[in-house]
Amino acid sequence: MHKILLVEDEKILRDAYSILLGANGGYSVDTASNGKEALELCKDNTYDLVLLDLMMPVLDGMGFLKEAKLSVNSPKTRIVVMSNLSGGNEVKEALSLGAHRHAVKSDLGPADVMDIVNKELSSAD
């Protein structure tokens, strides 16, 4: 079973994505409300996929990417930035720090999220 880390500060989205991924995809999902919580989870767990928001309190997604170095510790871990930031330097920087894909959250329905997750996990196998 694939293991996913969902890092999202908006509780309603965190809960909705978690239910969607668990019920529809049969995935094991851990959640964090900010980058700091996510880093703690990464110390004790290995993830196949990280779904990462960029704009969060305490430690944002960019800070998480800089500190996690998942591509070094877990080279098979795929990282998808799901943020409403749709362009500019943030997206380029996230991709340069190890993210594999960027998606605009407000453009995604449940089927879109599942499609992205399934494609990224297929790439990791």
C-alpha atoms as a PDB file:
ATOM      1  CA  MET A   1       0.000   0.000   0.000  1.00  0.00           C
ATOM      2  CA  HIS A   2       1.299   3.427  -0.944  1.00  0.00           C
ATOM      3  CA  LYS A   3       1.846   5.924   1.850  1.00  0.00           C
ATOM      4  CA  ILE A   4       1.011   9.605   1.331  1.00  0.00           C
ATOM      5  CA  LEU A   5       1.835  12.659   3.410  1.00  0.00           C
ATOM      6  CA  LEU A   6      -0.698  15.454   2.972  1.00  0.00           C
ATOM      7  CA  VAL A   7       0.567  18.859   4.141  1.00  0.00           C
ATOM      8  CA  GLU A   8      -2.269  21.390   4.142  1.00  0.00           C
ATOM      9  CA  ASP A   9      -3.161  24.093   6.658  1.00  0.00           C
ATOM     10  CA  GLU A  10      -6.849  24.358   5.717  1.00  0.00           C
ATOM     11  CA  LYS A  11      -8.569  21.713   7.846  1.00  0.00           C
ATOM     12  CA  ILE A  12     -11.550  21.262   5.531  1.00  0.00           C
ATOM     13  CA  LEU A  13      -9.245  20.544   2.563  1.00  0.00           C
ATOM     14  CA  ARG A  14      -6.966  18.338   4.658  1.00  0.00           C
ATOM     15  CA  ASP A  15      -9.948  16.275   5.813  1.00  0.00           C
ATOM     16  CA  ALA A  16     -11.548  16.113   2.356  1.00  0.00           C
ATOM     17  CA  TYR A  17      -8.332  15.047   0.599  1.00  0.00           C
ATOM     18  CA  SER A  18      -7.562  12.525   3.324  1.00  0.00           C
ATOM     19  CA  ILE A  19     -10.998  10.910   3.002  1.00  0.00           C
ATOM     20  CA  LEU A  20     -10.789  10.977  -0.796  1.00  0.00           C
ATOM     21  CA  LEU A  21      -7.355   9.339  -0.890  1.00  0.00           C
ATOM     22  CA  GLY A  22      -8.178   6.744   1.736  1.00  0.00           C
ATOM     23  CA  ALA A  23     -11.636   5.774   0.518  1.00  0.00           C
ATOM     24  CA  ASN A  24     -11.185   6.054  -3.258  1.00  0.00           C
ATOM     25  CA  GLY A  25      -7.540   5.174  -3.585  1.00  0.00           C
ATOM     26  CA  GLY A  26      -7.045   2.856  -0.645  1.00  0.00           C
ATOM     27  CA  TYR A  27      -3.956   4.829   0.295  1.00  0.00           C
ATOM     28  CA  SER A  28      -2.514   5.213   3.782  1.00  0.00           C
ATOM     29  CA  VAL A  29      -2.559   8.961   4.507  1.00  0.00           C
ATOM     30  CA  ASP A  30      -0.771  10.932   7.211  1.00  0.00           C
ATOM     31  CA  THR A  31      -1.607  14.616   7.554  1.00  0.00           C
ATOM     32  CA  ALA A  32       0.191  17.711   8.776  1.00  0.00           C
ATOM     33  CA  SER A  33      -1.105  21.263   9.077  1.00  0.00           C
ATOM     34  CA  ASN A  34       2.273  22.905   8.421  1.00  0.00           C
ATOM     35  CA  GLY A  35       5.811  22.187   7.298  1.00  0.00           C
ATOM     36  CA  LYS A  36       7.135  21.740  10.822  1.00  0.00           C
ATOM     37  CA  GLU A  37       4.637  18.953  11.583  1.00  0.00           C
ATOM     38  CA  ALA A  38       5.469  17.393   8.218  1.00  0.00           C
ATOM     39  CA  LEU A  39       9.193  17.371   8.988  1.00  0.00           C
ATOM     40  CA  GLU A  40       8.499  15.568  12.270  1.00  0.00           C
ATOM     41  CA  LEU A  41       6.482  12.912  10.444  1.00  0.00           C
ATOM     42  CA  CYS A  42       9.256  12.486   7.872  1.00  0.00           C
ATOM     43  CA  LYS A  43      11.756  11.655  10.617  1.00  0.00           C
ATOM     44  CA  ASP A  44       9.934   8.412  11.435  1.00  0.00           C
ATOM     45  CA  ASN A  45       8.186   7.574   8.152  1.00  0.00           C
ATOM     46  CA  THR A  46       8.942   7.081   4.498  1.00  0.00           C
ATOM     47  CA  TYR A  47       6.387   8.362   2.010  1.00  0.00           C
ATOM     48  CA  ASP A  48       5.749   7.474  -1.594  1.00  0.00           C
ATOM     49  CA  LEU A  49       4.090  10.826  -2.225  1.00  0.00           C
ATOM     50  CA  VAL A  50       3.926  14.215  -0.513  1.00  0.00           C
ATOM     51  CA  LEU A  51       1.073  16.576  -1.394  1.00  0.00           C
ATOM     52  CA  LEU A  52       2.332  19.969  -0.282  1.00  0.00           C
ATOM     53  CA  ASP A  53       0.690  23.355   0.105  1.00  0.00           C
ATOM     54  CA  LEU A  54       3.076  26.310  -0.155  1.00  0.00           C
ATOM     55  CA  MET A  55       1.344  28.965   1.937  1.00  0.00           C
ATOM     56  CA  MET A  56       1.092  27.756   5.553  1.00  0.00           C
ATOM     57  CA  PRO A  57       1.830  29.131   9.019  1.00  0.00           C
ATOM     58  CA  VAL A  58       4.785  28.092  11.208  1.00  0.00           C
ATOM     59  CA  LEU A  59       6.828  26.634   8.319  1.00  0.00           C
ATOM     60  CA  ASP A  60       5.634  27.067   4.744  1.00  0.00           C
ATOM     61  CA  GLY A  61       5.986  24.578   1.907  1.00  0.00           C
ATOM     62  CA  MET A  62       9.171  26.163   0.613  1.00  0.00           C
ATOM     63  CA  GLY A  63      10.736  25.887   4.060  1.00  0.00           C
ATOM     64  CA  PHE A  64       9.678  22.252   4.201  1.00  0.00           C
ATOM     65  CA  LEU A  65      11.286  21.539   0.824  1.00  0.00           C
ATOM     66  CA  LYS A  66      14.527  23.220   1.884  1.00  0.00           C
ATOM     67  CA  GLU A  67      14.754  21.293   5.147  1.00  0.00           C
ATOM     68  CA  ALA A  68      13.336  17.903   4.143  1.00  0.00           C
ATOM     69  CA  LYS A  69      15.745  17.010   1.347  1.00  0.00           C
ATOM     70  CA  LEU A  70      13.426  14.099   0.528  1.00  0.00           C
ATOM     71  CA  SER A  71      15.061  13.531  -2.833  1.00  0.00           C
ATOM     72  CA  VAL A  72      18.298  12.681  -1.034  1.00  0.00           C
ATOM     73  CA  ASN A  73      16.866  10.590   1.816  1.00  0.00           C
ATOM     74  CA  SER A  74      14.027   8.976  -0.140  1.00  0.00           C
ATOM     75  CA  PRO A  75      14.783   9.242  -3.844  1.00  0.00           C
ATOM     76  CA  LYS A  76      11.517   7.524  -4.807  1.00  0.00           C
ATOM     77  CA  THR A  77       9.368  10.039  -2.925  1.00  0.00           C
ATOM     78  CA  ARG A  78       7.340  12.139  -5.340  1.00  0.00           C
ATOM     79  CA  ILE A  79       6.363  15.666  -4.305  1.00  0.00           C
ATOM     80  CA  VAL A  80       3.350  17.469  -5.728  1.00  0.00           C
ATOM     81  CA  VAL A  81       2.864  21.100  -4.807  1.00  0.00           C
ATOM     82  CA  MET A  82      -0.854  21.814  -4.587  1.00  0.00           C
ATOM     83  CA  SER A  83      -1.181  25.549  -4.064  1.00  0.00           C
ATOM     84  CA  ASN A  84      -3.265  28.425  -5.335  1.00  0.00           C
ATOM     85  CA  LEU A  85      -0.035  30.139  -6.362  1.00  0.00           C
ATOM     86  CA  SER A  86      -0.124  29.677 -10.099  1.00  0.00           C
ATOM     87  CA  GLY A  87       3.095  31.108 -11.351  1.00  0.00           C
ATOM     88  CA  GLY A  88       6.072  33.211 -10.638  1.00  0.00           C
ATOM     89  CA  ASN A  89       9.171  32.467  -8.684  1.00  0.00           C
ATOM     90  CA  GLU A  90       7.516  30.321  -5.989  1.00  0.00           C
ATOM     91  CA  VAL A  91       6.577  27.560  -8.401  1.00  0.00           C
ATOM     92  CA  LYS A  92       9.969  27.624 -10.124  1.00  0.00           C
ATOM     93  CA  GLU A  93      11.730  27.524  -6.765  1.00  0.00           C
ATOM     94  CA  ALA A  94       9.577  24.632  -5.521  1.00  0.00           C
ATOM     95  CA  LEU A  95      10.407  22.635  -8.644  1.00  0.00           C
ATOM     96  CA  SER A  96      14.099  23.421  -8.252  1.00  0.00           C
ATOM     97  CA  LEU A  97      13.942  22.203  -4.626  1.00  0.00           C
ATOM     98  CA  GLY A  98      12.640  18.778  -5.590  1.00  0.00           C
ATOM     99  CA  ALA A  99       8.933  19.081  -6.317  1.00  0.00           C
ATOM    100  CA  HIS A 100       7.926  17.009  -9.337  1.00  0.00           C
ATOM    101  CA  ARG A 101       4.718  18.793 -10.251  1.00  0.00           C
ATOM    102  CA  HIS A 102       2.647  21.861  -9.438  1.00  0.00           C
ATOM    103  CA  ALA A 103      -1.156  21.992  -9.510  1.00  0.00           C
ATOM    104  CA  VAL A 104      -3.458  24.902  -8.737  1.00  0.00           C
ATOM    105  CA  LYS A 105      -5.759  23.746  -5.921  1.00  0.00           C
ATOM    106  CA  SER A 106      -8.716  25.881  -6.967  1.00  0.00           C
ATOM    107  CA  ASP A 107      -8.699  24.196 -10.388  1.00  0.00           C
ATOM    108  CA  LEU A 108      -8.846  20.652  -8.972  1.00  0.00           C
ATOM    109  CA  GLY A 109     -11.895  18.513  -8.420  1.00  0.00           C
ATOM    110  CA  PRO A 110     -11.773  15.140  -6.660  1.00  0.00           C
ATOM    111  CA  ALA A 111     -11.214  13.237  -9.928  1.00  0.00           C
ATOM    112  CA  ASP A 112      -8.319  15.562 -10.808  1.00  0.00           C
ATOM    113  CA  VAL A 113      -6.656  14.983  -7.437  1.00  0.00           C
ATOM    114  CA  MET A 114      -6.987  11.217  -7.820  1.00  0.00           C
ATOM    115  CA  ASP A 115      -5.599  11.402 -11.374  1.00  0.00           C
ATOM    116  CA  ILE A 116      -2.539  13.373 -10.221  1.00  0.00           C
ATOM    117  CA  VAL A 117      -1.920  11.036  -7.273  1.00  0.00           C
ATOM    118  CA  ASN A 118      -2.286   7.891  -9.373  1.00  0.00           C
ATOM    119  CA  LYS A 119       0.038   9.219 -12.091  1.00  0.00           C
ATOM    120  CA  GLU A 120       2.700  10.294  -9.616  1.00  0.00           C
ATOM    121  CA  LEU A 121       2.594   6.997  -7.741  1.00  0.00           C
ATOM    122  CA  SER A 122       2.860   5.110 -11.044  1.00  0.00           C
ATOM    123  CA  SER A 123       5.984   7.148 -11.813  1.00  0.00           C
ATOM    124  CA  ALA A 124       7.479   6.172  -8.453  1.00  0.00           C
ATOM    125  CA  ASP A 125       7.057   2.413  -9.007  1.00  0.00           C
END
